Amino acid sequence: MNEIKPCPFCRLKNVSVEAFVGGWSYYNYISYFVYCNDCRASGPRTTSIDDDSTKEAKNKLKQIAIERWNNRE
């Protein structure tokens, strides 16, 4: 997994990949995003409608969330 760059807003390195699980009456989903624990900024979410995804699929979603965070200007 790629290294997560510092927050583009506060420039601190206290960032982590977070998960959010939710759903409605007919399906569930899981989202991953990078979150700055200092200034509370968050990056774009990557979402899968199937919360029963394999570990490999979840790791891919986490990687996409990191790539989106790292590529922000």
PDB file of N, CA and C in Angstrom:
ATOM      1  N   MET A   1       0.841  -1.177   0.000  1.00  0.00           N
ATOM      2  CA  MET A   1       0.000   0.000   0.000  1.00  0.00           C
ATOM      3  C   MET A   1       0.886   1.240   0.000  1.00  0.00           C
ATOM      4  N   ASN A   2       0.498   2.236  -0.755  1.00  0.00           N
ATOM      5  CA  ASN A   2       1.278   3.463  -0.845  1.00  0.00           C
ATOM      6  C   ASN A   2       1.258   4.236   0.469  1.00  0.00           C
ATOM      7  N   GLU A   3       2.309   5.001   0.665  1.00  0.00           N
ATOM      8  CA  GLU A   3       2.380   5.867   1.833  1.00  0.00           C
ATOM      9  C   GLU A   3       1.392   7.018   1.660  1.00  0.00           C
ATOM     10  N   ILE A   4       0.756   7.410   2.745  1.00  0.00           N
ATOM     11  CA  ILE A   4      -0.200   8.511   2.697  1.00  0.00           C
ATOM     12  C   ILE A   4       0.553   9.815   2.898  1.00  0.00           C
ATOM     13  N   LYS A   5       0.333  10.761   1.991  1.00  0.00           N
ATOM     14  CA  LYS A   5       0.988  12.066   2.096  1.00  0.00           C
ATOM     15  C   LYS A   5       0.379  12.870   3.246  1.00  0.00           C
ATOM     16  N   PRO A   6       1.125  13.871   3.749  1.00  0.00           N
ATOM     17  CA  PRO A   6       0.590  14.734   4.805  1.00  0.00           C
ATOM     18  C   PRO A   6      -0.665  15.467   4.327  1.00  0.00           C
ATOM     19  N   CYS A   7      -1.405  15.990   5.269  1.00  0.00           N
ATOM     20  CA  CYS A   7      -2.618  16.746   4.958  1.00  0.00           C
ATOM     21  C   CYS A   7      -2.267  17.966   4.110  1.00  0.00           C
ATOM     22  N   PRO A   8      -2.989  18.210   3.011  1.00  0.00           N
ATOM     23  CA  PRO A   8      -2.689  19.370   2.172  1.00  0.00           C
ATOM     24  C   PRO A   8      -3.125  20.693   2.813  1.00  0.00           C
ATOM     25  N   PHE A   9      -3.889  20.633   3.881  1.00  0.00           N
ATOM     26  CA  PHE A   9      -4.382  21.848   4.521  1.00  0.00           C
ATOM     27  C   PHE A   9      -3.510  22.282   5.698  1.00  0.00           C
ATOM     28  N   CYS A  10      -3.255  21.355   6.633  1.00  0.00           N
ATOM     29  CA  CYS A  10      -2.454  21.713   7.810  1.00  0.00           C
ATOM     30  C   CYS A  10      -1.006  21.223   7.700  1.00  0.00           C
ATOM     31  N   ARG A  11      -0.705  20.411   6.680  1.00  0.00           N
ATOM     32  CA  ARG A  11       0.646  19.892   6.394  1.00  0.00           C
ATOM     33  C   ARG A  11       1.161  18.902   7.449  1.00  0.00           C
ATOM     34  N   LEU A  12       0.290  18.430   8.330  1.00  0.00           N
ATOM     35  CA  LEU A  12       0.701  17.464   9.344  1.00  0.00           C
ATOM     36  C   LEU A  12       0.496  16.042   8.831  1.00  0.00           C
ATOM     37  N   LYS A  13       1.180  15.083   9.455  1.00  0.00           N
ATOM     38  CA  LYS A  13       1.161  13.699   8.985  1.00  0.00           C
ATOM     39  C   LYS A  13       0.233  12.791   9.784  1.00  0.00           C
ATOM     40  N   ASN A  14      -0.591  13.349  10.640  1.00  0.00           N
ATOM     41  CA  ASN A  14      -1.485  12.549  11.474  1.00  0.00           C
ATOM     42  C   ASN A  14      -2.752  12.204  10.692  1.00  0.00           C
ATOM     43  N   VAL A  15      -2.579  11.398   9.634  1.00  0.00           N
ATOM     44  CA  VAL A  15      -3.692  11.013   8.768  1.00  0.00           C
ATOM     45  C   VAL A  15      -3.867   9.500   8.789  1.00  0.00           C
ATOM     46  N   SER A  16      -5.075   9.046   8.521  1.00  0.00           N
ATOM     47  CA  SER A  16      -5.358   7.615   8.530  1.00  0.00           C
ATOM     48  C   SER A  16      -6.470   7.301   7.537  1.00  0.00           C
ATOM     49  N   VAL A  17      -6.554   6.028   7.148  1.00  0.00           N
ATOM     50  CA  VAL A  17      -7.640   5.574   6.286  1.00  0.00           C
ATOM     51  C   VAL A  17      -8.775   5.136   7.200  1.00  0.00           C
ATOM     52  N   GLU A  18      -9.945   5.691   6.979  1.00  0.00           N
ATOM     53  CA  GLU A  18     -11.115   5.398   7.791  1.00  0.00           C
ATOM     54  C   GLU A  18     -12.152   4.667   6.945  1.00  0.00           C
ATOM     55  N   ALA A  19     -13.022   3.929   7.617  1.00  0.00           N
ATOM     56  CA  ALA A  19     -14.106   3.211   6.938  1.00  0.00           C
ATOM     57  C   ALA A  19     -15.440   3.656   7.514  1.00  0.00           C
ATOM     58  N   PHE A  20     -16.430   3.705   6.651  1.00  0.00           N
ATOM     59  CA  PHE A  20     -17.792   4.012   7.064  1.00  0.00           C
ATOM     60  C   PHE A  20     -18.703   2.961   6.446  1.00  0.00           C
ATOM     61  N   VAL A  21     -19.483   2.293   7.281  1.00  0.00           N
ATOM     62  CA  VAL A  21     -20.415   1.278   6.804  1.00  0.00           C
ATOM     63  C   VAL A  21     -21.830   1.805   6.993  1.00  0.00           C
ATOM     64  N   GLY A  22     -22.623   1.693   5.957  1.00  0.00           N
ATOM     65  CA  GLY A  22     -24.004   2.157   6.027  1.00  0.00           C
ATOM     66  C   GLY A  22     -24.893   1.309   5.158  1.00  0.00           C
ATOM     67  N   GLY A  23     -26.123   1.730   5.022  1.00  0.00           N
ATOM     68  CA  GLY A  23     -27.019   0.984   4.167  1.00  0.00           C
ATOM     69  C   GLY A  23     -28.448   1.480   4.232  1.00  0.00           C
ATOM     70  N   TRP A  24     -29.223   0.913   3.348  1.00  0.00           N
ATOM     71  CA  TRP A  24     -30.645   1.170   3.292  1.00  0.00           C
ATOM     72  C   TRP A  24     -31.360  -0.156   3.377  1.00  0.00           C
ATOM     73  N   SER A  25     -32.616  -0.152   3.183  1.00  0.00           N
ATOM     74  CA  SER A  25     -33.411  -1.366   3.373  1.00  0.00           C
ATOM     75  C   SER A  25     -33.037  -2.505   2.422  1.00  0.00           C
ATOM     76  N   TYR A  26     -32.496  -2.199   1.264  1.00  0.00           N
ATOM     77  CA  TYR A  26     -32.227  -3.258   0.292  1.00  0.00           C
ATOM     78  C   TYR A  26     -30.763  -3.480  -0.053  1.00  0.00           C
ATOM     79  N   TYR A  27     -29.847  -2.661   0.442  1.00  0.00           N
ATOM     80  CA  TYR A  27     -28.419  -2.955   0.244  1.00  0.00           C
ATOM     81  C   TYR A  27     -27.574  -2.217   1.277  1.00  0.00           C
ATOM     82  N   ASN A  28     -26.376  -2.720   1.451  1.00  0.00           N
ATOM     83  CA  ASN A  28     -25.397  -2.124   2.358  1.00  0.00           C
ATOM     84  C   ASN A  28     -24.208  -1.648   1.551  1.00  0.00           C
ATOM     85  N   TYR A  29     -23.424  -0.758   2.153  1.00  0.00           N
ATOM     86  CA  TYR A  29     -22.233  -0.284   1.468  1.00  0.00           C
ATOM     87  C   TYR A  29     -21.128  -0.005   2.486  1.00  0.00           C
ATOM     88  N   ILE A  30     -19.911   0.079   1.970  1.00  0.00           N
ATOM     89  CA  ILE A  30     -18.757   0.454   2.783  1.00  0.00           C
ATOM     90  C   ILE A  30     -17.964   1.498   2.001  1.00  0.00           C
ATOM     91  N   SER A  31     -17.545   2.542   2.689  1.00  0.00           N
ATOM     92  CA  SER A  31     -16.751   3.613   2.085  1.00  0.00           C
ATOM     93  C   SER A  31     -15.438   3.748   2.831  1.00  0.00           C
ATOM     94  N   TYR A  32     -14.390   4.056   2.086  1.00  0.00           N
ATOM     95  CA  TYR A  32     -13.082   4.344   2.670  1.00  0.00           C
ATOM     96  C   TYR A  32     -12.674   5.746   2.269  1.00  0.00           C
ATOM     97  N   PHE A  33     -11.988   6.437   3.172  1.00  0.00           N
ATOM     98  CA  PHE A  33     -11.490   7.778   2.893  1.00  0.00           C
ATOM     99  C   PHE A  33     -10.319   8.056   3.824  1.00  0.00           C
ATOM    100  N   VAL A  34      -9.467   8.998   3.411  1.00  0.00           N
ATOM    101  CA  VAL A  34      -8.348   9.419   4.256  1.00  0.00           C
ATOM    102  C   VAL A  34      -8.829  10.600   5.093  1.00  0.00           C
ATOM    103  N   TYR A  35      -8.461  10.578   6.367  1.00  0.00           N
ATOM    104  CA  TYR A  35      -8.929  11.580   7.324  1.00  0.00           C
ATOM    105  C   TYR A  35      -7.741  12.160   8.086  1.00  0.00           C
ATOM    106  N   CYS A  36      -7.709  13.486   8.205  1.00  0.00           N
ATOM    107  CA  CYS A  36      -6.675  14.141   9.007  1.00  0.00           C
ATOM    108  C   CYS A  36      -7.183  14.258  10.433  1.00  0.00           C
ATOM    109  N   ASN A  37      -6.469  13.656  11.352  1.00  0.00           N
ATOM    110  CA  ASN A  37      -6.873  13.661  12.754  1.00  0.00           C
ATOM    111  C   ASN A  37      -6.556  14.975  13.456  1.00  0.00           C
ATOM    112  N   ASP A  38      -5.848  15.893  12.784  1.00  0.00           N
ATOM    113  CA  ASP A  38      -5.532  17.192  13.378  1.00  0.00           C
ATOM    114  C   ASP A  38      -6.534  18.264  12.956  1.00  0.00           C
ATOM    115  N   CYS A  39      -6.684  18.483  11.662  1.00  0.00           N
ATOM    116  CA  CYS A  39      -7.588  19.552  11.204  1.00  0.00           C
ATOM    117  C   CYS A  39      -8.951  19.017  10.747  1.00  0.00           C
ATOM    118  N   ARG A  40      -9.107  17.693  10.740  1.00  0.00           N
ATOM    119  CA  ARG A  40     -10.362  17.015  10.401  1.00  0.00           C
ATOM    120  C   ARG A  40     -10.758  17.090   8.925  1.00  0.00           C
ATOM    121  N   ALA A  41      -9.799  17.364   8.081  1.00  0.00           N
ATOM    122  CA  ALA A  41     -10.069  17.329   6.638  1.00  0.00           C
ATOM    123  C   ALA A  41     -10.231  15.870   6.217  1.00  0.00           C
ATOM    124  N   SER A  42     -11.028  15.650   5.185  1.00  0.00           N
ATOM    125  CA  SER A  42     -11.172  14.290   4.677  1.00  0.00           C
ATOM    126  C   SER A  42     -11.115  14.311   3.156  1.00  0.00           C
ATOM    127  N   GLY A  43     -10.634  13.215   2.616  1.00  0.00           N
ATOM    128  CA  GLY A  43     -10.508  13.095   1.174  1.00  0.00           C
ATOM    129  C   GLY A  43     -11.740  12.472   0.560  1.00  0.00           C
ATOM    130  N   PRO A  44     -11.716  12.310  -0.759  1.00  0.00           N
ATOM    131  CA  PRO A  44     -12.845  11.693  -1.458  1.00  0.00           C
ATOM    132  C   PRO A  44     -13.070  10.254  -0.988  1.00  0.00           C
ATOM    133  N   ARG A  45     -14.311   9.849  -0.967  1.00  0.00           N
ATOM    134  CA  ARG A  45     -14.659   8.486  -0.550  1.00  0.00           C
ATOM    135  C   ARG A  45     -14.628   7.537  -1.738  1.00  0.00           C
ATOM    136  N   THR A  46     -14.235   6.306  -1.459  1.00  0.00           N
ATOM    137  CA  THR A  46     -14.377   5.220  -2.425  1.00  0.00           C
ATOM    138  C   THR A  46     -15.397   4.268  -1.823  1.00  0.00           C
ATOM    139  N   THR A  47     -16.400   3.900  -2.586  1.00  0.00           N
ATOM    140  CA  THR A  47     -17.532   3.156  -2.035  1.00  0.00           C
ATOM    141  C   THR A  47     -17.796   1.880  -2.811  1.00  0.00           C
ATOM    142  N   SER A  48     -18.126   0.833  -2.058  1.00  0.00           N
ATOM    143  CA  SER A  48     -18.578  -0.424  -2.636  1.00  0.00           C
ATOM    144  C   SER A  48     -19.970  -0.704  -2.098  1.00  0.00           C
ATOM    145  N   ILE A  49     -20.884  -1.060  -2.973  1.00  0.00           N
ATOM    146  CA  ILE A  49     -22.247  -1.335  -2.539  1.00  0.00           C
ATOM    147  C   ILE A  49     -22.333  -2.662  -1.800  1.00  0.00           C
ATOM    148  N   ASP A  50     -21.420  -3.546  -2.022  1.00  0.00           N
ATOM    149  CA  ASP A  50     -21.437  -4.855  -1.373  1.00  0.00           C
ATOM    150  C   ASP A  50     -20.528  -4.831  -0.152  1.00  0.00           C
ATOM    151  N   ASP A  51     -21.104  -4.796   1.052  1.00  0.00           N
ATOM    152  CA  ASP A  51     -20.276  -4.746   2.251  1.00  0.00           C
ATOM    153  C   ASP A  51     -19.653  -6.102   2.582  1.00  0.00           C
ATOM    154  N   ASP A  52     -19.981  -7.140   1.831  1.00  0.00           N
ATOM    155  CA  ASP A  52     -19.388  -8.464   2.028  1.00  0.00           C
ATOM    156  C   ASP A  52     -18.207  -8.694   1.098  1.00  0.00           C
ATOM    157  N   SER A  53     -17.579  -7.610   0.639  1.00  0.00           N
ATOM    158  CA  SER A  53     -16.450  -7.700  -0.281  1.00  0.00           C
ATOM    159  C   SER A  53     -15.316  -8.500   0.328  1.00  0.00           C
ATOM    160  N   THR A  54     -14.517  -9.079  -0.531  1.00  0.00           N
ATOM    161  CA  THR A  54     -13.354  -9.818  -0.078  1.00  0.00           C
ATOM    162  C   THR A  54     -12.318  -8.851   0.500  1.00  0.00           C
ATOM    163  N   LYS A  55     -11.388  -9.395   1.247  1.00  0.00           N
ATOM    164  CA  LYS A  55     -10.319  -8.582   1.818  1.00  0.00           C
ATOM    165  C   LYS A  55      -9.528  -7.898   0.698  1.00  0.00           C
ATOM    166  N   GLU A  56      -9.316  -8.603  -0.393  1.00  0.00           N
ATOM    167  CA  GLU A  56      -8.583  -8.034  -1.537  1.00  0.00           C
ATOM    168  C   GLU A  56      -9.328  -6.829  -2.121  1.00  0.00           C
ATOM    169  N   ALA A  57     -10.644  -6.937  -2.254  1.00  0.00           N
ATOM    170  CA  ALA A  57     -11.444  -5.835  -2.796  1.00  0.00           C
ATOM    171  C   ALA A  57     -11.419  -4.636  -1.846  1.00  0.00           C
ATOM    172  N   LYS A  58     -11.484  -4.894  -0.550  1.00  0.00           N
ATOM    173  CA  LYS A  58     -11.444  -3.809   0.430  1.00  0.00           C
ATOM    174  C   LYS A  58     -10.089  -3.117   0.406  1.00  0.00           C
ATOM    175  N   ASN A  59      -9.011  -3.884   0.273  1.00  0.00           N
ATOM    176  CA  ASN A  59      -7.673  -3.283   0.191  1.00  0.00           C
ATOM    177  C   ASN A  59      -7.541  -2.427  -1.064  1.00  0.00           C
ATOM    178  N   LYS A  60      -8.156  -2.850  -2.160  1.00  0.00           N
ATOM    179  CA  LYS A  60      -8.127  -2.055  -3.389  1.00  0.00           C
ATOM    180  C   LYS A  60      -8.866  -0.728  -3.186  1.00  0.00           C
ATOM    181  N   LEU A  61     -10.013  -0.756  -2.507  1.00  0.00           N
ATOM    182  CA  LEU A  61     -10.750   0.469  -2.217  1.00  0.00           C
ATOM    183  C   LEU A  61      -9.930   1.407  -1.332  1.00  0.00           C
ATOM    184  N   LYS A  62      -9.243   0.852  -0.339  1.00  0.00           N
ATOM    185  CA  LYS A  62      -8.376   1.667   0.521  1.00  0.00           C
ATOM    186  C   LYS A  62      -7.266   2.313  -0.300  1.00  0.00           C
ATOM    187  N   GLN A  63      -6.682   1.540  -1.216  1.00  0.00           N
ATOM    188  CA  GLN A  63      -5.604   2.052  -2.062  1.00  0.00           C
ATOM    189  C   GLN A  63      -6.108   3.196  -2.940  1.00  0.00           C
ATOM    190  N   ILE A  64      -7.302   3.064  -3.486  1.00  0.00           N
ATOM    191  CA  ILE A  64      -7.881   4.128  -4.314  1.00  0.00           C
ATOM    192  C   ILE A  64      -8.100   5.380  -3.475  1.00  0.00           C
ATOM    193  N   ALA A  65      -8.575   5.218  -2.238  1.00  0.00           N
ATOM    194  CA  ALA A  65      -8.775   6.373  -1.348  1.00  0.00           C
ATOM    195  C   ALA A  65      -7.451   7.088  -1.090  1.00  0.00           C
ATOM    196  N   ILE A  66      -6.382   6.332  -0.881  1.00  0.00           N
ATOM    197  CA  ILE A  66      -5.057   6.926  -0.655  1.00  0.00           C
ATOM    198  C   ILE A  66      -4.577   7.650  -1.907  1.00  0.00           C
ATOM    199  N   GLU A  67      -4.755   7.037  -3.072  1.00  0.00           N
ATOM    200  CA  GLU A  67      -4.335   7.677  -4.323  1.00  0.00           C
ATOM    201  C   GLU A  67      -5.080   8.987  -4.546  1.00  0.00           C
ATOM    202  N   ARG A  68      -6.371   9.000  -4.261  1.00  0.00           N
ATOM    203  CA  ARG A  68      -7.155  10.234  -4.426  1.00  0.00           C
ATOM    204  C   ARG A  68      -6.692  11.313  -3.450  1.00  0.00           C
ATOM    205  N   TRP A  69      -6.377  10.928  -2.234  1.00  0.00           N
ATOM    206  CA  TRP A  69      -5.867  11.887  -1.234  1.00  0.00           C
ATOM    207  C   TRP A  69      -4.522  12.439  -1.683  1.00  0.00           C
ATOM    208  N   ASN A  70      -3.641  11.551  -2.108  1.00  0.00           N
ATOM    209  CA  ASN A  70      -2.289  11.967  -2.500  1.00  0.00           C
ATOM    210  C   ASN A  70      -2.270  12.852  -3.745  1.00  0.00           C
ATOM    211  N   ASN A  71      -3.271  12.736  -4.602  1.00  0.00           N
ATOM    212  CA  ASN A  71      -3.287  13.498  -5.848  1.00  0.00           C
ATOM    213  C   ASN A  71      -4.053  14.811  -5.759  1.00  0.00           C
ATOM    214  N   ARG A  72      -4.522  15.155  -4.578  1.00  0.00           N
ATOM    215  CA  ARG A  72      -5.226  16.441  -4.430  1.00  0.00           C
ATOM    216  C   ARG A  72      -4.234  17.583  -4.510  1.00  0.00           C
ATOM    217  N   GLU A  73      -4.658  18.653  -5.069  1.00  0.00           N
ATOM    218  CA  GLU A  73      -3.789  19.850  -5.203  1.00  0.00           C
ATOM    219  C   GLU A  73      -4.122  20.838  -4.123  1.00  0.00           C
TER     220      GLU A  73
END
